Amino acid sequence: MPIEHYKITVKGRVQGVFFRASTQKKASQLAIKGAVKNTPTGDVEIIATGENQAMQKFIKWCHKGPLAAKVTEVIVEPFTNSVEHAGFMIIKH
């Protein structure tokens, strides 16, 4: 199974709506490793590594996010700097 690495930027009302915690839970369900953090510009940034099929489900979920979120845009970019994460973590500033 091919492993994919992405940097995913989620825009909209995505801070203060449990987006990071929900992202961590979804990633764990799909066996995706990586990290999620809020950015100073109000977006959520995700670095994710996982099997192709799981990654496609994860990206699809990012377009919705948790119930209180209002996602307006999702930018998915290949991420070449492979980062080894034991699981999926929330980075707090």
PDB file of N, CA and C in Angstrom:
ATOM      1  N   MET A   1       0.839  -1.194   0.000  1.00  0.00           N
ATOM      2  CA  MET A   1       0.000   0.000   0.000  1.00  0.00           C
ATOM      3  C   MET A   1       0.878   1.249   0.000  1.00  0.00           C
ATOM      4  N   PRO A   2       0.663   2.130  -0.944  1.00  0.00           N
ATOM      5  CA  PRO A   2       1.476   3.361  -0.960  1.00  0.00           C
ATOM      6  C   PRO A   2       1.140   4.275   0.219  1.00  0.00           C
ATOM      7  N   ILE A   3       2.172   4.847   0.765  1.00  0.00           N
ATOM      8  CA  ILE A   3       2.017   5.794   1.871  1.00  0.00           C
ATOM      9  C   ILE A   3       2.088   7.199   1.290  1.00  0.00           C
ATOM     10  N   GLU A   4       1.188   8.060   1.741  1.00  0.00           N
ATOM     11  CA  GLU A   4       1.147   9.437   1.258  1.00  0.00           C
ATOM     12  C   GLU A   4       1.413  10.402   2.397  1.00  0.00           C
ATOM     13  N   HIS A   5       2.017  11.527   2.058  1.00  0.00           N
ATOM     14  CA  HIS A   5       2.336  12.579   3.021  1.00  0.00           C
ATOM     15  C   HIS A   5       1.730  13.880   2.495  1.00  0.00           C
ATOM     16  N   TYR A   6       0.916  14.529   3.324  1.00  0.00           N
ATOM     17  CA  TYR A   6       0.293  15.779   2.891  1.00  0.00           C
ATOM     18  C   TYR A   6       0.363  16.851   3.972  1.00  0.00           C
ATOM     19  N   LYS A   7       0.404  18.077   3.485  1.00  0.00           N
ATOM     20  CA  LYS A   7       0.163  19.237   4.338  1.00  0.00           C
ATOM     21  C   LYS A   7      -1.226  19.709   3.924  1.00  0.00           C
ATOM     22  N   ILE A   8      -2.139  19.761   4.903  1.00  0.00           N
ATOM     23  CA  ILE A   8      -3.519  20.140   4.633  1.00  0.00           C
ATOM     24  C   ILE A   8      -3.829  21.410   5.421  1.00  0.00           C
ATOM     25  N   THR A   9      -4.243  22.446   4.708  1.00  0.00           N
ATOM     26  CA  THR A   9      -4.634  23.694   5.357  1.00  0.00           C
ATOM     27  C   THR A   9      -6.146  23.818   5.245  1.00  0.00           C
ATOM     28  N   VAL A  10      -6.796  23.979   6.391  1.00  0.00           N
ATOM     29  CA  VAL A  10      -8.256  24.084   6.421  1.00  0.00           C
ATOM     30  C   VAL A  10      -8.615  25.515   6.827  1.00  0.00           C
ATOM     31  N   LYS A  11      -9.427  26.153   5.990  1.00  0.00           N
ATOM     32  CA  LYS A  11      -9.820  27.547   6.219  1.00  0.00           C
ATOM     33  C   LYS A  11     -11.308  27.636   6.533  1.00  0.00           C
ATOM     34  N   GLY A  12     -11.689  28.716   7.191  1.00  0.00           N
ATOM     35  CA  GLY A  12     -13.080  28.937   7.559  1.00  0.00           C
ATOM     36  C   GLY A  12     -13.178  29.147   9.064  1.00  0.00           C
ATOM     37  N   ARG A  13     -14.350  28.810   9.631  1.00  0.00           N
ATOM     38  CA  ARG A  13     -14.484  28.886  11.084  1.00  0.00           C
ATOM     39  C   ARG A  13     -14.022  27.540  11.632  1.00  0.00           C
ATOM     40  N   VAL A  14     -12.716  27.456  11.894  1.00  0.00           N
ATOM     41  CA  VAL A  14     -12.117  26.174  12.264  1.00  0.00           C
ATOM     42  C   VAL A  14     -11.340  26.237  13.580  1.00  0.00           C
ATOM     43  N   GLN A  15     -11.326  27.394  14.214  1.00  0.00           N
ATOM     44  CA  GLN A  15     -10.688  27.498  15.528  1.00  0.00           C
ATOM     45  C   GLN A  15     -11.779  27.757  16.565  1.00  0.00           C
ATOM     46  N   GLY A  16     -11.615  27.151  17.736  1.00  0.00           N
ATOM     47  CA  GLY A  16     -12.602  27.304  18.792  1.00  0.00           C
ATOM     48  C   GLY A  16     -13.825  26.418  18.604  1.00  0.00           C
ATOM     49  N   VAL A  17     -13.704  25.410  17.717  1.00  0.00           N
ATOM     50  CA  VAL A  17     -14.831  24.504  17.445  1.00  0.00           C
ATOM     51  C   VAL A  17     -14.410  23.035  17.597  1.00  0.00           C
ATOM     52  N   PHE A  18     -13.348  22.806  18.364  1.00  0.00           N
ATOM     53  CA  PHE A  18     -12.813  21.460  18.605  1.00  0.00           C
ATOM     54  C   PHE A  18     -12.296  20.786  17.335  1.00  0.00           C
ATOM     55  N   PHE A  19     -11.824  21.594  16.379  1.00  0.00           N
ATOM     56  CA  PHE A  19     -11.330  21.021  15.120  1.00  0.00           C
ATOM     57  C   PHE A  19     -10.101  20.157  15.361  1.00  0.00           C
ATOM     58  N   ARG A  20      -9.160  20.639  16.177  1.00  0.00           N
ATOM     59  CA  ARG A  20      -7.931  19.864  16.398  1.00  0.00           C
ATOM     60  C   ARG A  20      -8.221  18.530  17.081  1.00  0.00           C
ATOM     61  N   ALA A  21      -9.043  18.555  18.127  1.00  0.00           N
ATOM     62  CA  ALA A  21      -9.374  17.319  18.845  1.00  0.00           C
ATOM     63  C   ALA A  21     -10.127  16.351  17.934  1.00  0.00           C
ATOM     64  N   SER A  22     -11.047  16.866  17.131  1.00  0.00           N
ATOM     65  CA  SER A  22     -11.806  16.021  16.206  1.00  0.00           C
ATOM     66  C   SER A  22     -10.900  15.448  15.123  1.00  0.00           C
ATOM     67  N   THR A  23      -9.937  16.251  14.668  1.00  0.00           N
ATOM     68  CA  THR A  23      -8.980  15.788  13.668  1.00  0.00           C
ATOM     69  C   THR A  23      -8.131  14.654  14.230  1.00  0.00           C
ATOM     70  N   GLN A  24      -7.688  14.815  15.468  1.00  0.00           N
ATOM     71  CA  GLN A  24      -6.884  13.773  16.115  1.00  0.00           C
ATOM     72  C   GLN A  24      -7.683  12.468  16.221  1.00  0.00           C
ATOM     73  N   LYS A  25      -8.936  12.567  16.600  1.00  0.00           N
ATOM     74  CA  LYS A  25      -9.787  11.380  16.744  1.00  0.00           C
ATOM     75  C   LYS A  25      -9.982  10.693  15.390  1.00  0.00           C
ATOM     76  N   LYS A  26     -10.279  11.469  14.355  1.00  0.00           N
ATOM     77  CA  LYS A  26     -10.500  10.907  13.019  1.00  0.00           C
ATOM     78  C   LYS A  26      -9.213  10.267  12.495  1.00  0.00           C
ATOM     79  N   ALA A  27      -8.098  10.928  12.679  1.00  0.00           N
ATOM     80  CA  ALA A  27      -6.819  10.389  12.222  1.00  0.00           C
ATOM     81  C   ALA A  27      -6.514   9.062  12.911  1.00  0.00           C
ATOM     82  N   SER A  28      -6.782   8.990  14.200  1.00  0.00           N
ATOM     83  CA  SER A  28      -6.542   7.755  14.946  1.00  0.00           C
ATOM     84  C   SER A  28      -7.424   6.626  14.422  1.00  0.00           C
ATOM     85  N   GLN A  29      -8.679   6.934  14.099  1.00  0.00           N
ATOM     86  CA  GLN A  29      -9.593   5.926  13.550  1.00  0.00           C
ATOM     87  C   GLN A  29      -9.075   5.373  12.219  1.00  0.00           C
ATOM     88  N   LEU A  30      -8.409   6.227  11.439  1.00  0.00           N
ATOM     89  CA  LEU A  30      -7.943   5.839  10.106  1.00  0.00           C
ATOM     90  C   LEU A  30      -6.464   5.418  10.088  1.00  0.00           C
ATOM     91  N   ALA A  31      -5.840   5.342  11.261  1.00  0.00           N
ATOM     92  CA  ALA A  31      -4.413   4.974  11.378  1.00  0.00           C
ATOM     93  C   ALA A  31      -3.511   5.953  10.637  1.00  0.00           C
ATOM     94  N   ILE A  32      -3.866   7.234  10.701  1.00  0.00           N
ATOM     95  CA  ILE A  32      -3.047   8.289  10.092  1.00  0.00           C
ATOM     96  C   ILE A  32      -2.184   8.907  11.182  1.00  0.00           C
ATOM     97  N   LYS A  33      -0.921   9.115  10.845  1.00  0.00           N
ATOM     98  CA  LYS A  33       0.012   9.722  11.790  1.00  0.00           C
ATOM     99  C   LYS A  33       0.274  11.159  11.376  1.00  0.00           C
ATOM    100  N   GLY A  34       0.662  11.975  12.349  1.00  0.00           N
ATOM    101  CA  GLY A  34       0.975  13.355  12.022  1.00  0.00           C
ATOM    102  C   GLY A  34       0.657  14.291  13.162  1.00  0.00           C
ATOM    103  N   ALA A  35       0.282  15.519  12.784  1.00  0.00           N
ATOM    104  CA  ALA A  35       0.033  16.555  13.784  1.00  0.00           C
ATOM    105  C   ALA A  35      -0.928  17.590  13.225  1.00  0.00           C
ATOM    106  N   VAL A  36      -1.583  18.291  14.145  1.00  0.00           N
ATOM    107  CA  VAL A  36      -2.504  19.367  13.766  1.00  0.00           C
ATOM    108  C   VAL A  36      -2.245  20.561  14.679  1.00  0.00           C
ATOM    109  N   LYS A  37      -2.357  21.762  14.106  1.00  0.00           N
ATOM    110  CA  LYS A  37      -2.175  22.974  14.910  1.00  0.00           C
ATOM    111  C   LYS A  37      -3.003  24.107  14.338  1.00  0.00           C
ATOM    112  N   ASN A  38      -3.310  25.074  15.199  1.00  0.00           N
ATOM    113  CA  ASN A  38      -3.926  26.319  14.754  1.00  0.00           C
ATOM    114  C   ASN A  38      -2.819  27.223  14.231  1.00  0.00           C
ATOM    115  N   THR A  39      -3.145  28.035  13.243  1.00  0.00           N
ATOM    116  CA  THR A  39      -2.186  29.003  12.738  1.00  0.00           C
ATOM    117  C   THR A  39      -2.592  30.401  13.209  1.00  0.00           C
ATOM    118  N   PRO A  40      -1.651  31.347  13.221  1.00  0.00           N
ATOM    119  CA  PRO A  40      -1.982  32.723  13.639  1.00  0.00           C
ATOM    120  C   PRO A  40      -3.011  33.394  12.723  1.00  0.00           C
ATOM    121  N   THR A  41      -3.178  32.881  11.496  1.00  0.00           N
ATOM    122  CA  THR A  41      -4.115  33.490  10.549  1.00  0.00           C
ATOM    123  C   THR A  41      -5.534  32.944  10.691  1.00  0.00           C
ATOM    124  N   GLY A  42      -5.756  32.034  11.651  1.00  0.00           N
ATOM    125  CA  GLY A  42      -7.097  31.516  11.887  1.00  0.00           C
ATOM    126  C   GLY A  42      -7.404  30.203  11.189  1.00  0.00           C
ATOM    127  N   ASP A  43      -6.415  29.641  10.511  1.00  0.00           N
ATOM    128  CA  ASP A  43      -6.604  28.363   9.828  1.00  0.00           C
ATOM    129  C   ASP A  43      -6.178  27.222  10.745  1.00  0.00           C
ATOM    130  N   VAL A  44      -6.398  26.002  10.270  1.00  0.00           N
ATOM    131  CA  VAL A  44      -5.868  24.810  10.927  1.00  0.00           C
ATOM    132  C   VAL A  44      -4.925  24.159   9.932  1.00  0.00           C
ATOM    133  N   GLU A  45      -3.725  23.791  10.395  1.00  0.00           N
ATOM    134  CA  GLU A  45      -2.730  23.158   9.542  1.00  0.00           C
ATOM    135  C   GLU A  45      -2.499  21.727  10.021  1.00  0.00           C
ATOM    136  N   ILE A  46      -2.542  20.802   9.079  1.00  0.00           N
ATOM    137  CA  ILE A  46      -2.383  19.378   9.394  1.00  0.00           C
ATOM    138  C   ILE A  46      -1.227  18.817   8.563  1.00  0.00           C
ATOM    139  N   ILE A  47      -0.353  18.080   9.212  1.00  0.00           N
ATOM    140  CA  ILE A  47       0.648  17.280   8.517  1.00  0.00           C
ATOM    141  C   ILE A  47       0.204  15.839   8.734  1.00  0.00           C
ATOM    142  N   ALA A  48      -0.044  15.122   7.632  1.00  0.00           N
ATOM    143  CA  ALA A  48      -0.609  13.780   7.753  1.00  0.00           C
ATOM    144  C   ALA A  48       0.137  12.778   6.887  1.00  0.00           C
ATOM    145  N   THR A  49       0.349  11.598   7.440  1.00  0.00           N
ATOM    146  CA  THR A  49       0.983  10.489   6.741  1.00  0.00           C
ATOM    147  C   THR A  49       0.109   9.262   6.915  1.00  0.00           C
ATOM    148  N   GLY A  50      -0.194   8.613   5.795  1.00  0.00           N
ATOM    149  CA  GLY A  50      -1.012   7.423   5.897  1.00  0.00           C
ATOM    150  C   GLY A  50      -1.188   6.718   4.575  1.00  0.00           C
ATOM    151  N   GLU A  51      -1.839   5.569   4.646  1.00  0.00           N
ATOM    152  CA  GLU A  51      -2.116   4.752   3.471  1.00  0.00           C
ATOM    153  C   GLU A  51      -3.113   5.492   2.573  1.00  0.00           C
ATOM    154  N   ASN A  52      -2.951   5.312   1.285  1.00  0.00           N
ATOM    155  CA  ASN A  52      -3.710   6.062   0.280  1.00  0.00           C
ATOM    156  C   ASN A  52      -5.211   6.102   0.545  1.00  0.00           C
ATOM    157  N   GLN A  53      -5.842   4.957   0.733  1.00  0.00           N
ATOM    158  CA  GLN A  53      -7.290   4.913   0.902  1.00  0.00           C
ATOM    159  C   GLN A  53      -7.736   5.651   2.173  1.00  0.00           C
ATOM    160  N   ALA A  54      -7.008   5.441   3.254  1.00  0.00           N
ATOM    161  CA  ALA A  54      -7.326   6.122   4.514  1.00  0.00           C
ATOM    162  C   ALA A  54      -7.136   7.629   4.356  1.00  0.00           C
ATOM    163  N   MET A  55      -6.092   8.018   3.639  1.00  0.00           N
ATOM    164  CA  MET A  55      -5.813   9.439   3.445  1.00  0.00           C
ATOM    165  C   MET A  55      -6.934  10.112   2.661  1.00  0.00           C
ATOM    166  N   GLN A  56      -7.483   9.434   1.669  1.00  0.00           N
ATOM    167  CA  GLN A  56      -8.581  10.013   0.893  1.00  0.00           C
ATOM    168  C   GLN A  56      -9.812  10.226   1.772  1.00  0.00           C
ATOM    169  N   LYS A  57     -10.101   9.282   2.666  1.00  0.00           N
ATOM    170  CA  LYS A  57     -11.222   9.431   3.601  1.00  0.00           C
ATOM    171  C   LYS A  57     -10.968  10.592   4.558  1.00  0.00           C
ATOM    172  N   PHE A  58      -9.714  10.710   5.007  1.00  0.00           N
ATOM    173  CA  PHE A  58      -9.343  11.776   5.939  1.00  0.00           C
ATOM    174  C   PHE A  58      -9.503  13.146   5.280  1.00  0.00           C
ATOM    175  N   ILE A  59      -9.022  13.285   4.062  1.00  0.00           N
ATOM    176  CA  ILE A  59      -9.131  14.561   3.337  1.00  0.00           C
ATOM    177  C   ILE A  59     -10.606  14.915   3.121  1.00  0.00           C
ATOM    178  N   LYS A  60     -11.403  13.923   2.784  1.00  0.00           N
ATOM    179  CA  LYS A  60     -12.845  14.154   2.609  1.00  0.00           C
ATOM    180  C   LYS A  60     -13.453  14.665   3.920  1.00  0.00           C
ATOM    181  N   TRP A  61     -13.049  14.058   5.042  1.00  0.00           N
ATOM    182  CA  TRP A  61     -13.549  14.498   6.349  1.00  0.00           C
ATOM    183  C   TRP A  61     -13.128  15.948   6.636  1.00  0.00           C
ATOM    184  N   CYS A  62     -11.915  16.314   6.246  1.00  0.00           N
ATOM    185  CA  CYS A  62     -11.413  17.675   6.491  1.00  0.00           C
ATOM    186  C   CYS A  62     -12.303  18.740   5.836  1.00  0.00           C
ATOM    187  N   HIS A  63     -12.987  18.386   4.759  1.00  0.00           N
ATOM    188  CA  HIS A  63     -13.878  19.330   4.095  1.00  0.00           C
ATOM    189  C   HIS A  63     -15.119  19.634   4.927  1.00  0.00           C
ATOM    190  N   LYS A  64     -15.429  18.765   5.906  1.00  0.00           N
ATOM    191  CA  LYS A  64     -16.575  18.989   6.790  1.00  0.00           C
ATOM    192  C   LYS A  64     -16.122  19.389   8.187  1.00  0.00           C
ATOM    193  N   GLY A  65     -15.229  18.571   8.759  1.00  0.00           N
ATOM    194  CA  GLY A  65     -14.759  18.813  10.115  1.00  0.00           C
ATOM    195  C   GLY A  65     -15.841  18.528  11.138  1.00  0.00           C
ATOM    196  N   PRO A  66     -15.645  18.978  12.372  1.00  0.00           N
ATOM    197  CA  PRO A  66     -16.648  18.757  13.413  1.00  0.00           C
ATOM    198  C   PRO A  66     -17.904  19.588  13.146  1.00  0.00           C
ATOM    199  N   LEU A  67     -18.967  19.266  13.858  1.00  0.00           N
ATOM    200  CA  LEU A  67     -20.267  19.877  13.634  1.00  0.00           C
ATOM    201  C   LEU A  67     -20.260  21.402  13.644  1.00  0.00           C
ATOM    202  N   ALA A  68     -19.549  22.016  14.591  1.00  0.00           N
ATOM    203  CA  ALA A  68     -19.577  23.479  14.731  1.00  0.00           C
ATOM    204  C   ALA A  68     -18.702  24.209  13.717  1.00  0.00           C
ATOM    205  N   ALA A  69     -17.871  23.475  12.988  1.00  0.00           N
ATOM    206  CA  ALA A  69     -16.963  24.104  12.019  1.00  0.00           C
ATOM    207  C   ALA A  69     -17.715  24.521  10.757  1.00  0.00           C
ATOM    208  N   LYS A  70     -17.208  25.575  10.124  1.00  0.00           N
ATOM    209  CA  LYS A  70     -17.713  26.000   8.819  1.00  0.00           C
ATOM    210  C   LYS A  70     -16.499  26.091   7.893  1.00  0.00           C
ATOM    211  N   VAL A  71     -16.201  25.006   7.214  1.00  0.00           N
ATOM    212  CA  VAL A  71     -15.031  24.930   6.343  1.00  0.00           C
ATOM    213  C   VAL A  71     -15.348  25.617   5.019  1.00  0.00           C
ATOM    214  N   THR A  72     -14.486  26.568   4.635  1.00  0.00           N
ATOM    215  CA  THR A  72     -14.690  27.279   3.375  1.00  0.00           C
ATOM    216  C   THR A  72     -13.700  26.829   2.302  1.00  0.00           C
ATOM    217  N   GLU A  73     -12.545  26.298   2.722  1.00  0.00           N
ATOM    218  CA  GLU A  73     -11.528  25.880   1.748  1.00  0.00           C
ATOM    219  C   GLU A  73     -10.584  24.877   2.397  1.00  0.00           C
ATOM    220  N   VAL A  74     -10.165  23.885   1.599  1.00  0.00           N
ATOM    221  CA  VAL A  74      -9.167  22.919   2.043  1.00  0.00           C
ATOM    222  C   VAL A  74      -8.082  22.866   0.976  1.00  0.00           C
ATOM    223  N   ILE A  75      -6.854  23.156   1.394  1.00  0.00           N
ATOM    224  CA  ILE A  75      -5.715  23.129   0.471  1.00  0.00           C
ATOM    225  C   ILE A  75      -4.872  21.906   0.820  1.00  0.00           C
ATOM    226  N   VAL A  76      -4.709  21.007  -0.145  1.00  0.00           N
ATOM    227  CA  VAL A  76      -3.950  19.778   0.067  1.00  0.00           C
ATOM    228  C   VAL A  76      -2.698  19.844  -0.792  1.00  0.00           C
ATOM    229  N   GLU A  77      -1.538  19.779  -0.136  1.00  0.00           N
ATOM    230  CA  GLU A  77      -0.264  19.842  -0.846  1.00  0.00           C
ATOM    231  C   GLU A  77       0.583  18.625  -0.486  1.00  0.00           C
ATOM    232  N   PRO A  78       1.264  18.036  -1.474  1.00  0.00           N
ATOM    233  CA  PRO A  78       2.196  16.953  -1.134  1.00  0.00           C
ATOM    234  C   PRO A  78       3.246  17.480  -0.170  1.00  0.00           C
ATOM    235  N   PHE A  79       3.614  16.659   0.781  1.00  0.00           N
ATOM    236  CA  PHE A  79       4.576  17.061   1.808  1.00  0.00           C
ATOM    237  C   PHE A  79       5.773  16.137   1.695  1.00  0.00           C
ATOM    238  N   THR A  80       6.908  16.686   1.308  1.00  0.00           N
ATOM    239  CA  THR A  80       8.073  15.852   1.050  1.00  0.00           C
ATOM    240  C   THR A  80       8.940  15.621   2.275  1.00  0.00           C
ATOM    241  N   ASN A  81       8.862  16.497   3.260  1.00  0.00           N
ATOM    242  CA  ASN A  81       9.665  16.316   4.474  1.00  0.00           C
ATOM    243  C   ASN A  81       8.967  15.298   5.371  1.00  0.00           C
ATOM    244  N   SER A  82       9.301  14.048   5.188  1.00  0.00           N
ATOM    245  CA  SER A  82       8.664  12.998   5.985  1.00  0.00           C
ATOM    246  C   SER A  82       9.006  13.199   7.457  1.00  0.00           C
ATOM    247  N   VAL A  83       7.975  13.298   8.275  1.00  0.00           N
ATOM    248  CA  VAL A  83       8.152  13.486   9.706  1.00  0.00           C
ATOM    249  C   VAL A  83       7.657  12.221  10.393  1.00  0.00           C
ATOM    250  N   GLU A  84       8.487  11.679  11.257  1.00  0.00           N
ATOM    251  CA  GLU A  84       8.089  10.462  11.960  1.00  0.00           C
ATOM    252  C   GLU A  84       7.312  10.823  13.220  1.00  0.00           C
ATOM    253  N   HIS A  85       6.063  10.452  13.251  1.00  0.00           N
ATOM    254  CA  HIS A  85       5.223  10.646  14.436  1.00  0.00           C
ATOM    255  C   HIS A  85       4.808   9.273  14.930  1.00  0.00           C
ATOM    256  N   ALA A  86       4.801   9.098  16.232  1.00  0.00           N
ATOM    257  CA  ALA A  86       4.365   7.832  16.808  1.00  0.00           C
ATOM    258  C   ALA A  86       2.857   7.663  16.634  1.00  0.00           C
ATOM    259  N   GLY A  87       2.141   8.759  16.611  1.00  0.00           N
ATOM    260  CA  GLY A  87       0.688   8.741  16.462  1.00  0.00           C
ATOM    261  C   GLY A  87       0.254  10.034  15.826  1.00  0.00           C
ATOM    262  N   PHE A  88      -0.824  10.597  16.324  1.00  0.00           N
ATOM    263  CA  PHE A  88      -1.307  11.870  15.802  1.00  0.00           C
ATOM    264  C   PHE A  88      -1.436  12.828  16.972  1.00  0.00           C
ATOM    265  N   MET A  89      -0.710  13.930  16.913  1.00  0.00           N
ATOM    266  CA  MET A  89      -0.664  14.832  18.064  1.00  0.00           C
ATOM    267  C   MET A  89      -1.219  16.214  17.747  1.00  0.00           C
ATOM    268  N   ILE A  90      -1.675  16.873  18.796  1.00  0.00           N
ATOM    269  CA  ILE A  90      -2.131  18.253  18.700  1.00  0.00           C
ATOM    270  C   ILE A  90      -0.975  19.135  19.166  1.00  0.00           C
ATOM    271  N   ILE A  91      -0.595  20.086  18.317  1.00  0.00           N
ATOM    272  CA  ILE A  91       0.455  21.033  18.689  1.00  0.00           C
ATOM    273  C   ILE A  91      -0.224  22.282  19.219  1.00  0.00           C
ATOM    274  N   LYS A  92       0.071  22.621  20.459  1.00  0.00           N
ATOM    275  CA  LYS A  92      -0.493  23.831  21.063  1.00  0.00           C
ATOM    276  C   LYS A  92       0.598  24.888  21.098  1.00  0.00           C
ATOM    277  N   HIS A  93       0.217  26.122  20.846  1.00  0.00           N
ATOM    278  CA  HIS A  93       1.203  27.213  20.806  1.00  0.00           C
ATOM    279  C   HIS A  93       1.561  27.665  22.210  1.00  0.00           C
TER     280      HIS A  93
END
